[in-house]
Amino acid sequence: MHQAVFNSTNFKQNDFLDLQSPHNRDNCLEPYRLIADILKKNNIDLVTPDVLHRDPIFEIQIEKQNKSYSKKKFLIQLENPEHTFLPKKNNDYLLIFSWNEKLYSHFDSFEKVFIPSIDSRDLLKNNERQYKYVMICANKKFKKNIEHELYSHRKNIIEWFSNNDMNNFFLFGKGWKYPNEWQGIKAYIKNFLKPLKTPKVFQGEIINKSDILSSSVFSFCYENMSSDEDYITEKIFDAMLSGCIPIYLGSKKISNHIPKEAFIDVRNFNDIDEIYNHTSDLTDDEILKKREAIYKYLSSPSSLIFRNDYFASSIVDKILSKINAKQA
């Protein structure tokens, strides 16, 4: 059995394969477990660096890493560019897998992929919903001013509902009552001296988003920034997989991939009042039609490019083809 390296921050002892890993929030590690499964069928064991005990035949980096373990490197770069390090040279990697055509299309090694977001769970089709509007997100902001950031837009939604209809809006996520863990001890000391002003609509932190989304009619799904590219993350799919209607703002290409009947496009409205009035006026039948459009899309070939299994098989096929070509 050959070995290959899974090089990603914070992973040790192959815990990216562990379903119970604290990093596996909402099954987010499934794409990488699937990559490992396919490689194993090809006599290649994908392991974290601390488990490596022979020279690896290649390395997969999840976001750019400073330390490398093989000259044959592949990069999976799915994060917002404002949140990660970027490769500077065309020949640093044999292949770069990313959604970001604007950033990487001039690289010979670029391979277009979409962020994997549709996992193997069953669709939740219950029509009885406890919550009208929800938002699930952490309290974050960019370290510098970003022209197209959407963190402030999320806070505008929170403030609007706090002032206008706090009984029908429910906020969940980290960092709204206490600092996020990654902010470090200084943030906790600062919060002790001057506690965060917790929004009135805040309900608490959650472990599984689907527990809330499966009980919600609408979910505000705002990316962390708007984009001309295919930066479409799990947010809209988490809602749809739970039968919750997404109110979406982010990628300007969203309607190229997801039918307009399956979500509410914030760009079609002038302000929050219009969004609220539109969603409030929807009849039960109209809401059911939107759910049916969601289920139809998720079951269609159009959703394939966002599926975890499609992502994994595409990645492995490209990697093995490149490795075999190098060895020929």
Protein backbone atom coordinates (compact mmCIF):
# COMPACT_ATOMS: atom_id res chain seq x y z
CA MET A 1 0.00 0.00 0.00
CA HIS A 2 1.39 3.40 -1.01
CA GLN A 3 0.92 6.49 1.16
CA ALA A 4 -0.14 10.02 0.25
CA VAL A 5 -0.30 13.02 2.59
CA PHE A 6 -3.43 14.87 3.64
CA ASN A 7 -1.92 18.22 4.63
CA SER A 8 -4.37 20.53 6.39
CA THR A 9 -4.18 22.74 9.45
CA ASN A 10 -5.29 21.20 12.77
CA PHE A 11 -5.64 17.60 11.57
CA LYS A 12 -3.69 14.80 13.27
CA GLN A 13 -3.97 11.04 13.66
CA ASN A 14 -6.17 10.83 10.55
CA ASP A 15 -9.03 12.54 12.36
CA PHE A 16 -10.36 13.90 9.06
CA LEU A 17 -11.63 10.31 8.62
CA ASP A 18 -13.38 10.29 12.01
CA LEU A 19 -17.14 10.86 11.87
CA GLN A 20 -17.05 11.91 15.53
CA SER A 21 -14.27 14.47 15.04
CA PRO A 22 -15.15 17.93 16.40
CA HIS A 23 -13.99 19.26 13.02
CA ASN A 24 -16.74 17.26 11.26
CA ARG A 25 -19.49 19.82 11.80
CA ASP A 26 -22.58 18.93 9.77
CA ASN A 27 -20.61 16.19 8.02
CA CYS A 28 -18.36 18.80 6.34
CA LEU A 29 -15.45 16.33 6.09
CA GLU A 30 -17.34 13.82 3.96
CA PRO A 31 -15.69 14.98 0.67
CA TYR A 32 -12.24 14.17 2.08
CA ARG A 33 -13.33 10.83 3.52
CA LEU A 34 -14.66 9.95 0.07
CA ILE A 35 -11.34 10.98 -1.54
CA ALA A 36 -9.54 8.70 0.93
CA ASP A 37 -11.95 5.83 0.20
CA ILE A 38 -11.41 6.07 -3.57
CA LEU A 39 -7.63 6.32 -3.17
CA LYS A 40 -7.61 3.25 -0.92
CA LYS A 41 -9.31 1.29 -3.71
CA ASN A 42 -6.32 2.34 -5.82
CA ASN A 43 -3.83 1.00 -3.25
CA ILE A 44 -3.08 4.46 -1.81
CA ASP A 45 -3.53 5.27 1.87
CA LEU A 46 -4.26 8.97 2.49
CA VAL A 47 -2.88 9.96 5.91
CA THR A 48 -2.10 13.03 7.98
CA PRO A 49 1.64 13.90 8.24
CA ASP A 50 2.05 12.49 11.75
CA VAL A 51 0.93 9.04 10.56
CA LEU A 52 3.25 9.02 7.55
CA HIS A 53 5.90 6.27 7.76
CA ARG A 54 7.24 6.11 4.20
CA ASP A 55 7.92 8.51 1.35
CA PRO A 56 4.55 9.68 0.03
CA ILE A 57 3.81 9.36 -3.66
CA PHE A 58 2.03 12.75 -3.54
CA GLU A 59 0.53 15.33 -1.22
CA ILE A 60 -2.90 16.98 -1.11
CA GLN A 61 -2.96 20.36 0.60
CA ILE A 62 -6.30 21.69 1.82
CA GLU A 63 -5.70 25.41 1.42
CA LYS A 64 -2.07 26.44 0.97
CA GLN A 65 0.25 25.10 3.68
CA ASN A 66 3.71 26.43 4.54
CA LYS A 67 5.22 22.99 5.16
CA SER A 68 5.31 20.40 2.42
CA TYR A 69 6.01 16.64 2.43
CA SER A 70 6.30 15.82 -1.26
CA LYS A 71 7.47 17.45 -4.48
CA LYS A 72 4.31 16.15 -6.14
CA LYS A 73 1.75 18.49 -4.63
CA PHE A 74 -1.93 19.10 -5.32
CA LEU A 75 -3.89 22.01 -3.86
CA ILE A 76 -7.59 22.15 -3.03
CA GLN A 77 -8.32 25.86 -2.54
CA LEU A 78 -11.99 26.46 -1.66
CA GLU A 79 -11.88 29.24 0.93
CA ASN A 80 -12.60 32.89 0.30
CA PRO A 81 -9.25 34.41 -0.82
CA GLU A 82 -9.48 36.90 2.06
CA HIS A 83 -9.31 33.99 4.53
CA THR A 84 -6.41 31.97 3.14
CA PHE A 85 -2.89 32.05 1.71
CA LEU A 86 -2.53 31.97 -2.06
CA PRO A 87 0.08 30.23 -4.23
CA LYS A 88 2.27 32.69 -6.10
CA LYS A 89 3.89 30.49 -8.74
CA ASN A 90 2.30 28.61 -11.60
CA ASN A 91 4.51 25.56 -11.00
CA ASP A 92 4.11 25.26 -7.22
CA TYR A 93 1.48 22.53 -7.67
CA LEU A 94 0.78 19.85 -10.24
CA LEU A 95 -2.89 20.84 -10.07
CA ILE A 96 -4.88 23.55 -8.27
CA PHE A 97 -8.54 22.72 -7.67
CA SER A 98 -10.65 25.81 -7.05
CA TRP A 99 -13.88 27.59 -7.98
CA ASN A 100 -11.92 30.83 -8.46
CA GLU A 101 -11.43 31.22 -12.21
CA LYS A 102 -10.58 34.89 -11.85
CA LEU A 103 -7.63 34.10 -9.61
CA TYR A 104 -6.30 30.92 -11.18
CA SER A 105 -7.43 30.68 -14.81
CA HIS A 106 -4.00 31.87 -16.03
CA PHE A 107 -2.34 28.97 -14.16
CA ASP A 108 -1.65 25.93 -16.36
CA SER A 109 -2.38 23.78 -13.32
CA PHE A 110 -5.90 25.15 -12.68
CA GLU A 111 -8.86 22.76 -12.54
CA LYS A 112 -12.32 24.20 -11.95
CA VAL A 113 -14.37 22.60 -9.16
CA PHE A 114 -17.34 23.75 -7.13
CA ILE A 115 -17.42 23.76 -3.35
CA PRO A 116 -18.85 20.36 -2.32
CA SER A 117 -22.00 20.91 -0.28
CA ILE A 118 -24.55 18.15 -0.96
CA ASP A 119 -23.84 15.12 1.18
CA SER A 120 -25.41 11.69 1.47
CA ARG A 121 -28.13 12.61 3.96
CA ASP A 122 -31.80 12.04 3.19
CA LEU A 123 -33.90 15.07 2.25
CA LEU A 124 -36.07 16.36 5.12
CA LYS A 125 -39.55 16.95 3.74
CA ASN A 126 -41.63 17.79 6.82
CA ASN A 127 -44.06 20.68 6.34
CA GLU A 128 -44.62 21.49 10.03
CA ARG A 129 -42.19 24.30 10.84
CA GLN A 130 -41.57 25.88 14.26
CA TYR A 131 -39.57 28.92 13.10
CA LYS A 132 -40.54 31.48 10.44
CA TYR A 133 -37.14 33.11 9.78
CA VAL A 134 -33.72 31.91 10.94
CA MET A 135 -30.13 32.91 10.42
CA ILE A 136 -27.28 30.55 11.34
CA CYS A 137 -23.90 32.25 11.27
CA ALA A 138 -20.96 33.22 13.43
CA ASN A 139 -20.33 36.80 14.48
CA LYS A 140 -17.40 37.67 12.24
CA LYS A 141 -15.85 40.47 10.25
CA PHE A 142 -12.88 40.84 7.92
CA LYS A 143 -9.64 42.17 9.38
CA LYS A 144 -9.61 44.92 6.75
CA ASN A 145 -12.22 46.76 4.73
CA ILE A 146 -13.50 44.60 1.87
CA GLU A 147 -15.59 46.27 -0.80
CA HIS A 148 -18.08 43.44 -1.29
CA GLU A 149 -18.23 42.03 2.24
CA LEU A 150 -21.60 40.77 3.50
CA TYR A 151 -20.97 40.41 7.25
CA SER A 152 -22.46 43.87 7.77
CA HIS A 153 -25.49 42.87 5.68
CA ARG A 154 -26.12 39.96 8.02
CA LYS A 155 -26.04 42.36 10.97
CA ASN A 156 -28.48 44.66 9.16
CA ILE A 157 -30.93 41.75 8.94
CA ILE A 158 -30.48 41.00 12.64
CA GLU A 159 -31.02 44.64 13.60
CA TRP A 160 -34.08 44.99 11.35
CA PHE A 161 -35.85 42.00 12.87
CA SER A 162 -34.82 43.00 16.39
CA ASN A 163 -36.65 46.27 15.81
CA ASN A 164 -39.57 45.09 13.68
CA ASP A 165 -40.47 41.42 14.26
CA MET A 166 -38.26 39.82 16.86
CA ASN A 167 -40.85 37.14 17.65
CA ASN A 168 -40.49 35.54 14.23
CA PHE A 169 -36.71 35.73 13.73
CA PHE A 170 -34.22 33.40 15.41
CA LEU A 171 -30.44 33.83 15.35
CA PHE A 172 -28.07 30.92 16.04
CA GLY A 173 -24.30 30.67 15.93
CA LYS A 174 -21.01 31.38 17.65
CA GLY A 175 -19.54 34.67 18.77
CA TRP A 176 -22.75 36.54 19.56
CA LYS A 177 -22.57 36.12 23.35
CA TYR A 178 -18.95 35.05 23.84
CA PRO A 179 -15.91 35.48 21.56
CA ASN A 180 -15.11 32.82 18.97
CA GLU A 181 -12.44 30.31 20.10
CA TRP A 182 -10.05 31.35 17.33
CA GLN A 183 -9.94 34.94 18.62
CA GLY A 184 -7.78 33.86 21.55
CA ILE A 185 -7.47 34.78 25.23
CA LYS A 186 -7.26 38.53 24.60
CA ALA A 187 -10.78 38.53 23.18
CA TYR A 188 -12.09 36.74 26.28
CA ILE A 189 -10.39 39.26 28.57
CA LYS A 190 -11.81 42.12 26.53
CA ASN A 191 -15.27 40.52 26.69
CA PHE A 192 -14.97 40.15 30.48
CA LEU A 193 -14.22 43.86 30.83
CA LYS A 194 -16.74 44.91 28.20
CA PRO A 195 -19.22 42.13 27.37
CA LEU A 196 -20.53 41.74 23.83
CA LYS A 197 -23.89 43.31 23.15
CA THR A 198 -25.87 40.18 22.39
CA PRO A 199 -28.70 40.65 19.85
CA LYS A 200 -32.18 40.31 21.32
CA VAL A 201 -33.01 37.63 18.73
CA PHE A 202 -30.03 35.41 19.62
CA GLN A 203 -31.07 31.88 20.62
CA GLY A 204 -27.73 30.18 21.28
CA GLU A 205 -25.09 28.01 19.66
CA ILE A 206 -26.00 24.76 17.92
CA ILE A 207 -24.25 21.51 17.01
CA ASN A 208 -26.23 20.47 13.92
CA LYS A 209 -27.66 23.10 11.61
CA SER A 210 -30.19 20.64 10.22
CA ASP A 211 -31.90 20.44 13.63
CA ILE A 212 -32.91 24.09 13.23
CA LEU A 213 -33.28 24.32 9.45
CA SER A 214 -35.62 21.33 9.31
CA SER A 215 -37.95 23.28 11.61
CA SER A 216 -37.72 26.59 9.72
CA VAL A 217 -39.65 28.09 6.81
CA PHE A 218 -37.01 30.58 5.64
CA SER A 219 -33.28 30.89 6.24
CA PHE A 220 -31.17 33.95 5.46
CA CYS A 221 -28.18 32.48 3.61
CA TYR A 222 -25.66 35.28 3.11
CA GLU A 223 -22.15 34.44 1.97
CA ASN A 224 -19.32 36.37 3.65
CA MET A 225 -18.90 38.40 0.46
CA SER A 226 -20.62 38.91 -2.87
CA SER A 227 -18.75 37.63 -5.88
CA ASP A 228 -18.80 37.60 -9.67
CA GLU A 229 -17.41 34.06 -9.45
CA ASP A 230 -18.91 30.70 -8.46
CA TYR A 231 -18.21 31.23 -4.75
CA ILE A 232 -21.25 29.24 -3.59
CA THR A 233 -20.77 27.65 -0.18
CA GLU A 234 -22.75 25.15 1.87
CA LYS A 235 -25.12 27.79 3.27
CA ILE A 236 -27.81 27.62 0.60
CA PHE A 237 -27.56 23.82 0.35
CA ASP A 238 -27.82 23.29 4.12
CA ALA A 239 -31.17 25.06 3.96
CA MET A 240 -32.43 23.22 0.87
CA LEU A 241 -31.46 19.78 2.19
CA SER A 242 -33.68 20.52 5.19
CA GLY A 243 -36.61 21.71 3.06
CA CYS A 244 -36.03 25.27 4.24
CA ILE A 245 -36.39 28.06 1.66
CA PRO A 246 -33.12 30.01 1.30
CA ILE A 247 -33.11 33.80 1.16
CA TYR A 248 -29.79 34.10 -0.62
CA LEU A 249 -27.16 36.77 -1.24
CA GLY A 250 -23.65 36.05 -2.48
CA SER A 251 -22.56 34.74 -5.85
CA LYS A 252 -23.94 36.69 -8.80
CA LYS A 253 -23.86 33.44 -10.76
CA ILE A 254 -26.21 31.61 -8.40
CA SER A 255 -29.11 31.46 -10.88
CA ASN A 256 -26.80 29.81 -13.44
CA HIS A 257 -26.79 26.73 -11.24
CA ILE A 258 -29.88 26.80 -9.02
CA PRO A 259 -33.35 27.51 -10.49
CA LYS A 260 -34.90 30.76 -9.31
CA GLU A 261 -38.00 28.87 -8.15
CA ALA A 262 -35.93 27.10 -5.48
CA PHE A 263 -34.73 30.15 -3.54
CA ILE A 264 -35.40 33.83 -2.91
CA ASP A 265 -32.83 36.09 -4.54
CA VAL A 266 -32.13 39.14 -2.36
CA ARG A 267 -30.95 41.07 -5.44
CA ASN A 268 -34.58 41.27 -6.60
CA PHE A 269 -35.51 43.53 -3.68
CA ASN A 270 -34.59 47.08 -2.77
CA ASP A 271 -34.45 46.62 1.00
CA ILE A 272 -35.29 44.34 3.91
CA ASP A 273 -38.85 45.66 4.09
CA GLU A 274 -39.52 44.37 0.58
CA ILE A 275 -38.03 40.95 1.40
CA TYR A 276 -40.17 40.74 4.52
CA ASN A 277 -43.35 41.81 2.74
CA HIS A 278 -42.77 39.35 -0.10
CA THR A 279 -42.11 36.36 2.16
CA SER A 280 -45.01 37.31 4.46
CA ASP A 281 -47.39 37.39 1.49
CA LEU A 282 -46.48 33.92 0.24
CA THR A 283 -49.39 31.49 0.65
CA ASP A 284 -48.99 27.97 2.02
CA ASP A 285 -49.37 26.63 -1.52
CA GLU A 286 -46.65 28.96 -2.84
CA ILE A 287 -44.32 27.85 -0.06
CA LEU A 288 -44.99 24.20 -0.88
CA LYS A 289 -44.25 24.89 -4.56
CA LYS A 290 -40.89 26.36 -3.60
CA ARG A 291 -40.11 23.28 -1.53
CA GLU A 292 -41.06 21.05 -4.44
CA ALA A 293 -38.72 23.08 -6.67
CA ILE A 294 -35.95 22.52 -4.11
CA TYR A 295 -36.52 18.75 -4.01
CA LYS A 296 -36.70 18.58 -7.80
CA TYR A 297 -33.40 20.44 -8.15
CA LEU A 298 -31.58 18.33 -5.54
CA SER A 299 -32.69 15.17 -7.36
CA SER A 300 -31.67 16.47 -10.78
CA PRO A 301 -28.38 16.14 -12.70
CA SER A 302 -27.96 19.93 -12.34
CA SER A 303 -27.03 19.50 -8.67
CA LEU A 304 -24.30 16.96 -9.48
CA ILE A 305 -21.45 19.51 -9.54
CA PHE A 306 -22.12 20.37 -5.88
CA ARG A 307 -22.32 16.78 -4.65
CA ASN A 308 -19.59 15.47 -2.36
CA ASP A 309 -19.22 12.18 -4.23
CA TYR A 310 -18.87 13.94 -7.60
CA PHE A 311 -16.25 16.29 -6.14
CA ALA A 312 -14.24 13.41 -4.66
CA SER A 313 -14.26 11.26 -7.78
CA SER A 314 -13.34 14.24 -9.98
CA ILE A 315 -10.40 15.16 -7.74
CA VAL A 316 -9.05 11.61 -7.59
CA ASP A 317 -9.44 11.04 -11.35
CA LYS A 318 -7.42 14.18 -12.11
CA ILE A 319 -4.75 13.40 -9.51
CA LEU A 320 -4.22 9.81 -10.64
CA SER A 321 -4.13 10.85 -14.31
CA LYS A 322 -1.46 13.42 -13.51
CA ILE A 323 0.58 10.97 -11.40
CA ASN A 324 0.37 8.23 -14.04
CA ALA A 325 1.42 10.71 -16.75
CA LYS A 326 4.46 11.70 -14.66
CA GLN A 327 5.45 8.07 -14.23
CA ALA A 328 4.98 7.13 -17.88
